[in-house]
C-alpha atoms as a PDB file:
ATOM      1  CA  MET A   1       0.257  -0.071  -0.252  1.00  0.00           C
ATOM      2  CA  ARG A   2       1.342   3.412  -0.950  1.00  0.00           C
ATOM      3  CA  LEU A   3       0.506   7.012   0.627  1.00  0.00           C
ATOM      4  CA  VAL A   4       1.213   9.682  -1.158  1.00  0.00           C
ATOM      5  CA  ILE A   5       1.214  13.293   0.236  1.00  0.00           C
ATOM      6  CA  LEU A   6       1.050  16.131  -2.264  1.00  0.00           C
ATOM      7  CA  ASN A   7       2.555  19.532  -2.477  1.00  0.00           C
ATOM      8  CA  ASP A   8       3.391  19.300   1.364  1.00  0.00           C
ATOM      9  CA  TYR A   9       4.950  22.722   0.863  1.00  0.00           C
ATOM     10  CA  ALA A  10       1.252  24.338   1.715  1.00  0.00           C
ATOM     11  CA  CYS A  11       1.833  22.719   4.726  1.00  0.00           C
ATOM     12  CA  ASN A  12       5.226  24.401   6.263  1.00  0.00           C
ATOM     13  CA  PRO A  13       6.981  21.296   5.785  1.00  0.00           C
ATOM     14  CA  GLY A  14      10.018  22.057   8.286  1.00  0.00           C
ATOM     15  CA  ASP A  15       7.413  22.745  11.127  1.00  0.00           C
ATOM     16  CA  MET A  16       5.231  19.459  10.708  1.00  0.00           C
ATOM     17  CA  ALA A  17       5.757  16.270  12.369  1.00  0.00           C
ATOM     18  CA  TRP A  18       5.286  14.229   9.450  1.00  0.00           C
ATOM     19  CA  GLU A  19       6.905  11.099  10.879  1.00  0.00           C
ATOM     20  CA  LYS A  20       3.350  10.766  12.703  1.00  0.00           C
ATOM     21  CA  LEU A  21       2.359   9.463   9.074  1.00  0.00           C
ATOM     22  CA  GLU A  22       5.225   6.853   8.456  1.00  0.00           C
ATOM     23  CA  GLY A  23       4.514   3.233   9.028  1.00  0.00           C
ATOM     24  CA  LEU A  24       0.810   3.512   8.088  1.00  0.00           C
ATOM     25  CA  ALA A  25       1.511   2.359   4.623  1.00  0.00           C
ATOM     26  CA  ALA A  26       4.166   0.144   3.713  1.00  0.00           C
ATOM     27  CA  GLU A  27       5.225   3.257   1.510  1.00  0.00           C
ATOM     28  CA  THR A  28       5.418   6.620   2.057  1.00  0.00           C
ATOM     29  CA  VAL A  29       6.111   9.297  -0.627  1.00  0.00           C
ATOM     30  CA  ARG A  30       6.068  13.190   0.445  1.00  0.00           C
ATOM     31  CA  LEU A  31       6.353  15.474  -2.662  1.00  0.00           C
ATOM     32  CA  GLY A  32       6.909  19.253  -2.645  1.00  0.00           C
ATOM     33  CA  PHE A  33       5.222  21.785  -5.343  1.00  0.00           C
ATOM     34  CA  LEU A  34       4.282  20.124  -8.624  1.00  0.00           C
ATOM     35  CA  PRO A  35       2.448  21.166 -11.827  1.00  0.00           C
ATOM     36  CA  ARG A  36      -0.626  19.751 -12.943  1.00  0.00           C
ATOM     37  CA  ALA A  37       0.999  17.354 -15.130  1.00  0.00           C
ATOM     38  CA  GLY A  38       3.734  16.026 -11.713  1.00  0.00           C
ATOM     39  CA  GLN A  39       0.357  15.324  -9.618  1.00  0.00           C
ATOM     40  CA  LEU A  40      -1.124  13.326 -12.165  1.00  0.00           C
ATOM     41  CA  GLU A  41       1.965  11.327 -12.442  1.00  0.00           C
ATOM     42  CA  ALA A  42       2.691  11.121  -8.720  1.00  0.00           C
ATOM     43  CA  VAL A  43      -0.823   9.768  -7.913  1.00  0.00           C
ATOM     44  CA  LYS A  44      -0.542   6.401 -10.486  1.00  0.00           C
ATOM     45  CA  GLU A  45      -0.050   4.180  -7.749  1.00  0.00           C
ATOM     46  CA  ALA A  46      -1.623   5.974  -4.578  1.00  0.00           C
ATOM     47  CA  ASP A  47      -3.473   3.653  -2.221  1.00  0.00           C
ATOM     48  CA  PHE A  48      -4.086   6.606  -0.407  1.00  0.00           C
ATOM     49  CA  LEU A  49      -3.771  10.257  -0.845  1.00  0.00           C
ATOM     50  CA  ILE A  50      -2.893  13.590   1.682  1.00  0.00           C
ATOM     51  CA  VAL A  51      -3.451  16.764   0.142  1.00  0.00           C
ATOM     52  CA  ASN A  52      -4.401  20.588   0.907  1.00  0.00           C
ATOM     53  CA  LYS A  53      -4.391  22.591  -1.581  1.00  0.00           C
ATOM     54  CA  VAL A  54      -4.715  20.290  -4.580  1.00  0.00           C
ATOM     55  CA  ARG A  55      -7.351  20.164  -7.240  1.00  0.00           C
ATOM     56  CA  VAL A  56      -9.066  16.458  -6.890  1.00  0.00           C
ATOM     57  CA  ASP A  57     -11.283  16.410  -9.444  1.00  0.00           C
ATOM     58  CA  GLU A  58     -11.872  13.566 -12.440  1.00  0.00           C
ATOM     59  CA  GLU A  59      -8.710  14.135 -13.986  1.00  0.00           C
ATOM     60  CA  LEU A  60      -7.005  13.220 -11.093  1.00  0.00           C
ATOM     61  CA  LEU A  61      -8.969  10.677  -9.547  1.00  0.00           C
ATOM     62  CA  ALA A  62      -8.935   9.051 -13.189  1.00  0.00           C
ATOM     63  CA  ALA A  63      -5.074   8.855 -12.668  1.00  0.00           C
ATOM     64  CA  ALA A  64      -5.342   7.121  -9.452  1.00  0.00           C
ATOM     65  CA  PRO A  65      -7.216   4.233 -10.154  1.00  0.00           C
ATOM     66  CA  ARG A  66      -6.198   2.632  -6.854  1.00  0.00           C
ATOM     67  CA  LEU A  67      -7.032   5.483  -4.761  1.00  0.00           C
ATOM     68  CA  ARG A  68      -9.170   4.581  -1.659  1.00  0.00           C
ATOM     69  CA  TRP A  69      -9.032   6.930   0.633  1.00  0.00           C
ATOM     70  CA  LEU A  70      -8.396  10.855   0.536  1.00  0.00           C
ATOM     71  CA  GLY A  71      -7.433  12.530   3.515  1.00  0.00           C
ATOM     72  CA  VAL A  72      -8.067  16.678   2.993  1.00  0.00           C
ATOM     73  CA  MET A  73      -5.510  18.690   5.234  1.00  0.00           C
ATOM     74  CA  ALA A  74      -7.903  21.471   5.960  1.00  0.00           C
ATOM     75  CA  THR A  75     -11.806  21.120   6.911  1.00  0.00           C
ATOM     76  CA  GLY A  76     -12.704  22.692   4.214  1.00  0.00           C
ATOM     77  CA  THR A  77     -13.524  20.868   0.874  1.00  0.00           C
ATOM     78  CA  ASP A  78     -14.360  23.217  -1.867  1.00  0.00           C
ATOM     79  CA  ASN A  79     -11.153  22.046  -4.070  1.00  0.00           C
ATOM     80  CA  ILE A  80     -12.337  18.515  -3.773  1.00  0.00           C
ATOM     81  CA  ASP A  81     -14.685  17.026  -6.472  1.00  0.00           C
ATOM     82  CA  LEU A  82     -16.821  14.987  -3.471  1.00  0.00           C
ATOM     83  CA  SER A  83     -19.754  13.654  -6.397  1.00  0.00           C
ATOM     84  CA  ALA A  84     -16.689  11.943  -8.351  1.00  0.00           C
ATOM     85  CA  CYS A  85     -14.907  10.636  -5.266  1.00  0.00           C
ATOM     86  CA  THR A  86     -17.992   9.204  -4.163  1.00  0.00           C
ATOM     87  CA  ARG A  87     -18.843   7.611  -7.388  1.00  0.00           C
ATOM     88  CA  ARG A  88     -15.058   6.088  -7.635  1.00  0.00           C
ATOM     89  CA  GLY A  89     -15.515   4.790  -4.322  1.00  0.00           C
ATOM     90  CA  VAL A  90     -12.997   6.807  -3.018  1.00  0.00           C
ATOM     91  CA  ALA A  91     -13.738   7.777   0.617  1.00  0.00           C
ATOM     92  CA  VAL A  92     -12.860  11.286   1.652  1.00  0.00           C
ATOM     93  CA  ALA A  93     -12.058  12.551   5.465  1.00  0.00           C
ATOM     94  CA  ASN A  94     -11.014  16.063   6.762  1.00  0.00           C
ATOM     95  CA  VAL A  95     -10.020  17.714   9.758  1.00  0.00           C
ATOM     96  CA  PRO A  96     -12.664  19.799  11.673  1.00  0.00           C
ATOM     97  CA  GLY A  97     -11.981  22.092  13.946  1.00  0.00           C
ATOM     98  CA  TYR A  98      -8.100  21.909  14.363  1.00  0.00           C
ATOM     99  CA  SER A  99      -7.468  26.139  13.566  1.00  0.00           C
ATOM    100  CA  THR A 100     -10.458  27.623  15.419  1.00  0.00           C
ATOM    101  CA  HIS A 101      -8.582  29.215  17.703  1.00  0.00           C
ATOM    102  CA  SER A 102      -5.700  30.154  15.515  1.00  0.00           C
ATOM    103  CA  VAL A 103      -8.092  31.683  12.604  1.00  0.00           C
ATOM    104  CA  ALA A 104     -10.504  33.919  15.137  1.00  0.00           C
ATOM    105  CA  GLN A 105      -6.785  35.201  16.246  1.00  0.00           C
ATOM    106  CA  LEU A 106      -6.221  36.285  12.898  1.00  0.00           C
ATOM    107  CA  THR A 107      -9.680  37.591  12.302  1.00  0.00           C
ATOM    108  CA  PHE A 108      -8.859  40.323  15.151  1.00  0.00           C
ATOM    109  CA  ALA A 109      -5.105  40.712  13.936  1.00  0.00           C
ATOM    110  CA  LEU A 110      -6.353  41.875  10.333  1.00  0.00           C
ATOM    111  CA  LEU A 111      -9.308  43.559  12.426  1.00  0.00           C
ATOM    112  CA  LEU A 112      -7.154  45.512  14.844  1.00  0.00           C
ATOM    113  CA  GLU A 113      -4.477  46.337  11.979  1.00  0.00           C
ATOM    114  CA  LEU A 114      -7.294  48.313  10.340  1.00  0.00           C
ATOM    115  CA  CYS A 115      -8.556  49.780  13.425  1.00  0.00           C
ATOM    116  CA  GLN A 116      -5.352  51.052  14.925  1.00  0.00           C
ATOM    117  CA  SER A 117      -2.436  50.455  12.438  1.00  0.00           C
ATOM    118  CA  PRO A 118       0.320  49.571  14.474  1.00  0.00           C
ATOM    119  CA  ALA A 119       2.218  47.842  12.115  1.00  0.00           C
ATOM    120  CA  ALA A 120       2.103  50.934   9.851  1.00  0.00           C
ATOM    121  CA  PHE A 121       2.690  53.320  12.936  1.00  0.00           C
ATOM    122  CA  ASP A 122       6.045  50.616  13.886  1.00  0.00           C
ATOM    123  CA  ARG A 123       7.406  51.462   9.791  1.00  0.00           C
ATOM    124  CA  SER A 124       7.119  54.985  10.681  1.00  0.00           C
ATOM    125  CA  VAL A 125       8.651  55.538  14.271  1.00  0.00           C
ATOM    126  CA  ARG A 126      11.465  53.444  12.374  1.00  0.00           C
ATOM    127  CA  THR A 127      11.931  56.016   9.880  1.00  0.00           C
ATOM    128  CA  GLY A 128      12.200  58.831  12.807  1.00  0.00           C
ATOM    129  CA  MET A 129       8.557  60.132  12.792  1.00  0.00           C
ATOM    130  CA  TRP A 130       6.865  60.149  16.804  1.00  0.00           C
ATOM    131  CA  ARG A 131       3.651  61.211  16.326  1.00  0.00           C
ATOM    132  CA  LEU A 132      -0.178  60.905  15.852  1.00  0.00           C
ATOM    133  CA  GLY A 133      -0.418  62.606  12.683  1.00  0.00           C
ATOM    134  CA  VAL A 134       0.794  59.721  10.142  1.00  0.00           C
ATOM    135  CA  GLY A 135      -1.252  60.119   6.873  1.00  0.00           C
ATOM    136  CA  GLU A 136      -2.772  57.341   5.096  1.00  0.00           C
ATOM    137  CA  GLU A 137       0.000  57.500   2.543  1.00  0.00           C
ATOM    138  CA  GLN A 138       1.653  55.798   5.404  1.00  0.00           C
ATOM    139  CA  GLY A 139      -1.206  53.329   5.711  1.00  0.00           C
ATOM    140  CA  VAL A 140      -2.474  54.671   8.651  1.00  0.00           C
ATOM    141  CA  LEU A 141      -6.380  54.800   9.237  1.00  0.00           C
ATOM    142  CA  PRO A 142      -8.345  56.711  11.125  1.00  0.00           C
ATOM    143  CA  LEU A 143      -8.326  55.358  14.687  1.00  0.00           C
ATOM    144  CA  LYS A 144     -11.134  53.427  15.532  1.00  0.00           C
ATOM    145  CA  GLU A 145     -12.553  51.959  18.999  1.00  0.00           C
ATOM    146  CA  LEU A 146     -14.081  48.237  19.021  1.00  0.00           C
ATOM    147  CA  TYR A 147     -16.202  48.836  22.232  1.00  0.00           C
ATOM    148  CA  GLY A 148     -19.924  49.234  21.867  1.00  0.00           C
ATOM    149  CA  LYS A 149     -19.425  48.378  18.035  1.00  0.00           C
ATOM    150  CA  THR A 150     -21.668  45.920  16.689  1.00  0.00           C
ATOM    151  CA  MET A 151     -19.524  42.677  15.065  1.00  0.00           C
ATOM    152  CA  GLY A 152     -21.902  41.267  12.599  1.00  0.00           C
ATOM    153  CA  LEU A 153     -20.870  36.995  11.779  1.00  0.00           C
ATOM    154  CA  VAL A 154     -21.915  35.490   8.350  1.00  0.00           C
ATOM    155  CA  GLY A 155     -21.786  32.137   9.507  1.00  0.00           C
ATOM    156  CA  CYS A 156     -21.347  30.839  13.251  1.00  0.00           C
ATOM    157  CA  GLY A 157     -20.024  27.441  13.373  1.00  0.00           C
ATOM    158  CA  ASP A 158     -17.244  26.498  15.475  1.00  0.00           C
ATOM    159  CA  ILE A 159     -14.759  29.579  14.772  1.00  0.00           C
ATOM    160  CA  GLY A 160     -17.440  31.916  14.039  1.00  0.00           C
ATOM    161  CA  ARG A 161     -18.669  31.058  17.838  1.00  0.00           C
ATOM    162  CA  GLN A 162     -15.100  31.994  19.112  1.00  0.00           C
ATOM    163  CA  VAL A 163     -14.807  35.118  17.157  1.00  0.00           C
ATOM    164  CA  ALA A 164     -17.823  35.943  18.728  1.00  0.00           C
ATOM    165  CA  ARG A 165     -16.429  35.421  22.299  1.00  0.00           C
ATOM    166  CA  ILE A 166     -13.462  37.609  21.621  1.00  0.00           C
ATOM    167  CA  ALA A 167     -16.042  40.461  20.118  1.00  0.00           C
ATOM    168  CA  GLN A 168     -17.978  40.229  23.531  1.00  0.00           C
ATOM    169  CA  ALA A 169     -14.464  40.260  25.509  1.00  0.00           C
ATOM    170  CA  PHE A 170     -14.248  43.947  23.855  1.00  0.00           C
ATOM    171  CA  GLY A 171     -17.416  45.149  24.633  1.00  0.00           C
ATOM    172  CA  MET A 172     -18.568  44.467  20.735  1.00  0.00           C
ATOM    173  CA  ARG A 173     -22.535  43.486  20.563  1.00  0.00           C
ATOM    174  CA  VAL A 174     -23.037  40.459  18.464  1.00  0.00           C
ATOM    175  CA  LEU A 175     -25.210  39.657  15.565  1.00  0.00           C
ATOM    176  CA  ALA A 176     -24.897  36.702  13.483  1.00  0.00           C
ATOM    177  CA  TYR A 177     -26.721  35.479  10.007  1.00  0.00           C
ATOM    178  CA  VAL A 178     -27.341  31.548   9.460  1.00  0.00           C
ATOM    179  CA  ARG A 179     -29.321  29.190   7.665  1.00  0.00           C
ATOM    180  CA  ARG A 180     -30.603  27.698  10.641  1.00  0.00           C
ATOM    181  CA  PRO A 181     -30.780  30.234  13.725  1.00  0.00           C
ATOM    182  CA  ARG A 182     -30.657  28.778  17.520  1.00  0.00           C
ATOM    183  CA  GLU A 183     -29.859  29.904  20.706  1.00  0.00           C
ATOM    184  CA  GLU A 184     -26.294  31.204  21.258  1.00  0.00           C
ATOM    185  CA  GLU A 185     -25.429  33.026  24.430  1.00  0.00           C
ATOM    186  CA  GLY A 186     -24.163  36.742  23.886  1.00  0.00           C
ATOM    187  CA  VAL A 187     -25.193  36.353  20.376  1.00  0.00           C
ATOM    188  CA  ARG A 188     -28.601  37.631  18.422  1.00  0.00           C
ATOM    189  CA  PHE A 189     -29.633  35.802  15.004  1.00  0.00           C
ATOM    190  CA  VAL A 190     -30.953  38.483  12.337  1.00  0.00           C
ATOM    191  CA  THR A 191     -31.194  38.145   8.580  1.00  0.00           C
ATOM    192  CA  LEU A 192     -28.624  38.928   6.043  1.00  0.00           C
ATOM    193  CA  LYS A 193     -30.227  42.282   4.975  1.00  0.00           C
ATOM    194  CA  ASN A 194     -30.696  43.484   9.102  1.00  0.00           C
ATOM    195  CA  LEU A 195     -26.695  42.369   9.607  1.00  0.00           C
ATOM    196  CA  LEU A 196     -25.071  44.693   6.823  1.00  0.00           C
ATOM    197  CA  GLN A 197     -27.098  47.327   7.619  1.00  0.00           C
ATOM    198  CA  GLU A 198     -26.487  47.212  11.546  1.00  0.00           C
ATOM    199  CA  SER A 199     -22.629  46.103  11.916  1.00  0.00           C
ATOM    200  CA  ASP A 200     -19.943  48.296  12.039  1.00  0.00           C
ATOM    201  CA  VAL A 201     -17.536  45.023  11.086  1.00  0.00           C
ATOM    202  CA  VAL A 202     -19.075  42.109   9.066  1.00  0.00           C
ATOM    203  CA  SER A 203     -16.671  39.018   9.458  1.00  0.00           C
ATOM    204  CA  LEU A 204     -17.400  36.019   6.914  1.00  0.00           C
ATOM    205  CA  HIS A 205     -17.082  32.793   8.657  1.00  0.00           C
ATOM    206  CA  CYS A 206     -19.155  30.215   6.283  1.00  0.00           C
ATOM    207  CA  PRO A 207     -18.172  27.523   3.819  1.00  0.00           C
ATOM    208  CA  ALA A 208     -17.781  28.358  -0.167  1.00  0.00           C
ATOM    209  CA  THR A 209     -20.299  26.618  -2.043  1.00  0.00           C
ATOM    210  CA  PRO A 210     -22.649  27.620  -4.917  1.00  0.00           C
ATOM    211  CA  GLU A 211     -25.220  29.292  -2.640  1.00  0.00           C
ATOM    212  CA  THR A 212     -22.959  31.465  -0.826  1.00  0.00           C
ATOM    213  CA  GLU A 213     -20.258  32.300  -4.029  1.00  0.00           C
ATOM    214  CA  LYS A 214     -20.322  36.031  -3.877  1.00  0.00           C
ATOM    215  CA  ILE A 215     -22.461  36.575  -0.963  1.00  0.00           C
ATOM    216  CA  ILE A 216     -20.773  39.973  -0.546  1.00  0.00           C
ATOM    217  CA  ASP A 217     -21.489  41.580  -3.989  1.00  0.00           C
ATOM    218  CA  GLU A 218     -22.396  44.718  -4.980  1.00  0.00           C
ATOM    219  CA  LYS A 219     -25.884  44.643  -3.636  1.00  0.00           C
ATOM    220  CA  ALA A 220     -24.522  43.626  -0.289  1.00  0.00           C
ATOM    221  CA  LEU A 221     -21.560  46.341   0.265  1.00  0.00           C
ATOM    222  CA  ALA A 222     -24.291  48.897  -0.587  1.00  0.00           C
ATOM    223  CA  ALA A 223     -26.615  47.625   2.358  1.00  0.00           C
ATOM    224  CA  MET A 224     -23.484  47.626   4.856  1.00  0.00           C
ATOM    225  CA  LYS A 225     -23.267  50.646   7.191  1.00  0.00           C
ATOM    226  CA  PRO A 226     -21.079  53.651   5.289  1.00  0.00           C
ATOM    227  CA  GLY A 227     -17.851  53.081   6.950  1.00  0.00           C
ATOM    228  CA  ALA A 228     -17.764  49.823   8.376  1.00  0.00           C
ATOM    229  CA  LEU A 229     -15.282  47.210   7.929  1.00  0.00           C
ATOM    230  CA  LEU A 230     -15.015  43.588   6.267  1.00  0.00           C
ATOM    231  CA  ILE A 231     -12.831  41.082   7.720  1.00  0.00           C
ATOM    232  CA  ASN A 232     -12.545  37.534   5.650  1.00  0.00           C
ATOM    233  CA  THR A 233     -10.479  34.750   7.185  1.00  0.00           C
ATOM    234  CA  ALA A 234     -13.026  31.915   5.273  1.00  0.00           C
ATOM    235  CA  ARG A 235     -13.040  31.670   1.750  1.00  0.00           C
ATOM    236  CA  GLY A 236     -12.337  34.231  -0.895  1.00  0.00           C
ATOM    237  CA  ARG A 237     -14.928  33.207  -3.290  1.00  0.00           C
ATOM    238  CA  LEU A 238     -17.656  34.791  -0.783  1.00  0.00           C
ATOM    239  CA  VAL A 239     -16.520  38.191  -1.925  1.00  0.00           C
ATOM    240  CA  ASP A 240     -17.308  39.948  -5.418  1.00  0.00           C
ATOM    241  CA  GLU A 241     -13.766  41.395  -5.539  1.00  0.00           C
ATOM    242  CA  GLU A 242     -14.603  43.591  -8.410  1.00  0.00           C
ATOM    243  CA  ALA A 243     -17.776  45.266  -6.620  1.00  0.00           C
ATOM    244  CA  LEU A 244     -15.459  45.300  -3.363  1.00  0.00           C
ATOM    245  CA  CYS A 245     -12.590  47.450  -5.123  1.00  0.00           C
ATOM    246  CA  GLY A 246     -15.520  49.914  -5.790  1.00  0.00           C
ATOM    247  CA  ALA A 247     -16.814  50.063  -2.628  1.00  0.00           C
ATOM    248  CA  LEU A 248     -13.013  50.897  -0.903  1.00  0.00           C
ATOM    249  CA  HIS A 249     -12.228  53.285  -3.887  1.00  0.00           C
ATOM    250  CA  SER A 250     -15.615  55.315  -2.919  1.00  0.00           C
ATOM    251  CA  GLY A 251     -15.095  55.336   0.452  1.00  0.00           C
ATOM    252  CA  ARG A 252     -18.323  53.435   1.450  1.00  0.00           C
ATOM    253  CA  LEU A 253     -16.257  50.688   2.607  1.00  0.00           C
ATOM    254  CA  ALA A 254     -13.505  51.949   5.323  1.00  0.00           C
ATOM    255  CA  GLY A 255     -11.443  48.981   5.163  1.00  0.00           C
ATOM    256  CA  TYR A 256     -11.106  44.872   4.748  1.00  0.00           C
ATOM    257  CA  GLY A 257      -8.653  42.702   6.140  1.00  0.00           C
ATOM    258  CA  ALA A 258      -8.757  39.183   4.271  1.00  0.00           C
ATOM    259  CA  ASP A 259      -6.758  36.048   4.540  1.00  0.00           C
ATOM    260  CA  VAL A 260      -7.994  34.550   1.325  1.00  0.00           C
ATOM    261  CA  ALA A 261      -8.602  35.369  -2.546  1.00  0.00           C
ATOM    262  CA  PHE A 262     -10.860  34.757  -5.148  1.00  0.00           C
ATOM    263  CA  TYR A 263      -8.103  33.251  -6.682  1.00  0.00           C
ATOM    264  CA  GLU A 264      -4.910  32.237  -5.206  1.00  0.00           C
ATOM    265  CA  PRO A 265      -2.575  33.171  -5.543  1.00  0.00           C
ATOM    266  CA  PRO A 266      -4.178  36.844  -6.692  1.00  0.00           C
ATOM    267  CA  ALA A 267      -2.548  37.881 -10.099  1.00  0.00           C
ATOM    268  CA  GLU A 268       0.239  40.217  -9.900  1.00  0.00           C
ATOM    269  CA  ASN A 269      -2.469  42.895 -11.644  1.00  0.00           C
ATOM    270  CA  ALA A 270      -5.336  41.986  -9.329  1.00  0.00           C
ATOM    271  CA  PRO A 271      -6.760  45.167  -8.288  1.00  0.00           C
ATOM    272  CA  LEU A 272      -6.919  44.038  -4.710  1.00  0.00           C
ATOM    273  CA  ARG A 273      -3.467  44.278  -4.657  1.00  0.00           C
ATOM    274  CA  THR A 274      -3.617  47.848  -4.974  1.00  0.00           C
ATOM    275  CA  ALA A 275      -6.739  48.840  -3.340  1.00  0.00           C
ATOM    276  CA  PRO A 276      -6.960  51.236  -0.267  1.00  0.00           C
ATOM    277  CA  HIS A 277      -7.201  50.672   2.869  1.00  0.00           C
ATOM    278  CA  VAL A 278      -6.630  46.654   2.751  1.00  0.00           C
ATOM    279  CA  VAL A 279      -4.689  44.345   4.734  1.00  0.00           C
ATOM    280  CA  LEU A 280      -3.773  41.092   2.895  1.00  0.00           C
ATOM    281  CA  THR A 281      -2.104  37.872   4.431  1.00  0.00           C
ATOM    282  CA  PRO A 282      -1.580  34.661   2.077  1.00  0.00           C
ATOM    283  CA  HIS A 283      -4.042  32.076   3.492  1.00  0.00           C
ATOM    284  CA  ILE A 284      -1.984  31.801   6.590  1.00  0.00           C
ATOM    285  CA  ALA A 285      -4.827  32.158   9.602  1.00  0.00           C
ATOM    286  CA  TRP A 286      -4.526  28.085   9.864  1.00  0.00           C
ATOM    287  CA  ALA A 287      -0.748  27.716   9.885  1.00  0.00           C
ATOM    288  CA  THR A 288       0.764  28.514  13.704  1.00  0.00           C
ATOM    289  CA  ALA A 289       2.797  25.415  15.310  1.00  0.00           C
ATOM    290  CA  GLU A 290       0.122  24.205  17.809  1.00  0.00           C
ATOM    291  CA  SER A 291      -2.746  24.275  14.773  1.00  0.00           C
ATOM    292  CA  LEU A 292       0.143  22.352  12.515  1.00  0.00           C
ATOM    293  CA  ASP A 293       0.459  19.876  15.364  1.00  0.00           C
ATOM    294  CA  ARG A 294      -3.441  19.254  15.548  1.00  0.00           C
ATOM    295  CA  LEU A 295      -3.826  19.134  11.885  1.00  0.00           C
ATOM    296  CA  VAL A 296      -0.692  15.952  11.307  1.00  0.00           C
ATOM    297  CA  GLU A 297      -2.481  14.005  14.287  1.00  0.00           C
ATOM    298  CA  ALA A 298      -5.865  14.337  13.094  1.00  0.00           C
ATOM    299  CA  VAL A 299      -5.011  13.500   9.203  1.00  0.00           C
ATOM    300  CA  ARG A 300      -3.213  10.318  10.903  1.00  0.00           C
ATOM    301  CA  ARG A 301      -5.944   9.322  13.118  1.00  0.00           C
ATOM    302  CA  ASN A 302      -8.140   9.663  10.171  1.00  0.00           C
ATOM    303  CA  LEU A 303      -6.396   7.499   7.852  1.00  0.00           C
ATOM    304  CA  GLU A 304      -5.643   5.361  10.806  1.00  0.00           C
ATOM    305  CA  SER A 305      -9.548   4.886  11.979  1.00  0.00           C
ATOM    306  CA  TYR A 306      -9.964   3.907   7.903  1.00  0.00           C
ATOM    307  CA  LEU A 307      -7.678   1.140   8.095  1.00  0.00           C
ATOM    308  CA  GLU A 308      -9.203  -0.278  11.099  1.00  0.00           C
ATOM    309  CA  GLY A 309     -12.343  -0.321   9.604  1.00  0.00           C
ATOM    310  CA  LYS A 310     -14.279   2.441  11.799  1.00  0.00           C
ATOM    311  CA  PRO A 311     -13.179   5.702   9.229  1.00  0.00           C
ATOM    312  CA  GLU A 312     -13.594   9.204  11.089  1.00  0.00           C
ATOM    313  CA  ASN A 313     -14.683  12.410   9.865  1.00  0.00           C
ATOM    314  CA  LEU A 314     -15.821  11.271   6.608  1.00  0.00           C
ATOM    315  CA  VAL A 315     -17.634  13.757   4.183  1.00  0.00           C
ATOM    316  CA  ASN A 316     -18.907  11.501   1.733  1.00  0.00           C
ATOM    317  CA  GLN A 317     -20.630   8.018   2.243  1.00  0.00           C
ATOM    318  CA  VAL A 318     -18.634   5.039   0.411  1.00  0.00           C
ATOM    319  CA  ASN A 319     -19.381   1.484   0.468  1.00  0.00           C
ATOM    320  CA  ARG A 320     -16.142  -0.198   1.183  1.00  0.00           C
ATOM    321  CA  SER A 321     -16.820  -3.493  -0.292  1.00  0.00           C
ATOM    322  CA  THR A 322     -16.780  -2.176  -3.550  1.00  0.00           C
ATOM    323  CA  ARG A 323     -13.054  -1.177  -3.285  1.00  0.00           C
END
């Protein structure tokens, strides 16, 4: 049996305890960045496959006739064709919850940078300045206090709930929009329209699906409170970036902090790279040392449980007898 780990560069190979996965198969192969042709060649004899940012579709599955189990080193599976995997009898397991605290933490790191610009002030101090009146040309926005403001969460799963707790600690009022409202301490569930109209900060924490793609579009941005901030540590495809740039240039939206982009990496000439009042990080919210430890241990357990005949964290239903 052969275990193939594709594009391990996406999971900080120098920081992860990959040895935890060794011994689960007779042969384990770890591969760094590969172009698509290299990926297709690498999976030809794979019985088990672990991926993070690799697109797993009909093409890749057809190149892997022996594949039985696919481990996703992430919670989201929007890069996986689950229907195709199910048709081919490939069990798919993800890792829920491993990065909850890390992603919530970066959500506020981005928000605080937009509110008080510590990195921009640091740069100004290092150039010899020591004053409040540092202008926007140095990347500083008007300073904002979070106390008493309203945080609106689009999506309120594990990460959204943790963001809500942090927001409450800052003295913020918390609203949330979800498909199925429920009771949640300190959170008031409202319609998306009301959330956009009432929130000083809108933070996205829902998965990318056909229903949620571009949920923040021109109409949604127009409905937001003038001068509001938008944070996206979920998925880039939730936001219409063309409409977003328009709202930033017009000043209707005061700032945007994101760890994701519609296309990753964004093109060199992507308008978002040069839009005003934007803080971008390269999809690293999940990649703290603590989070990576939990991730590799969970992936190991997912494969181990599959081999034991009691698979955990499957996101599709596969009849093992057909494999």
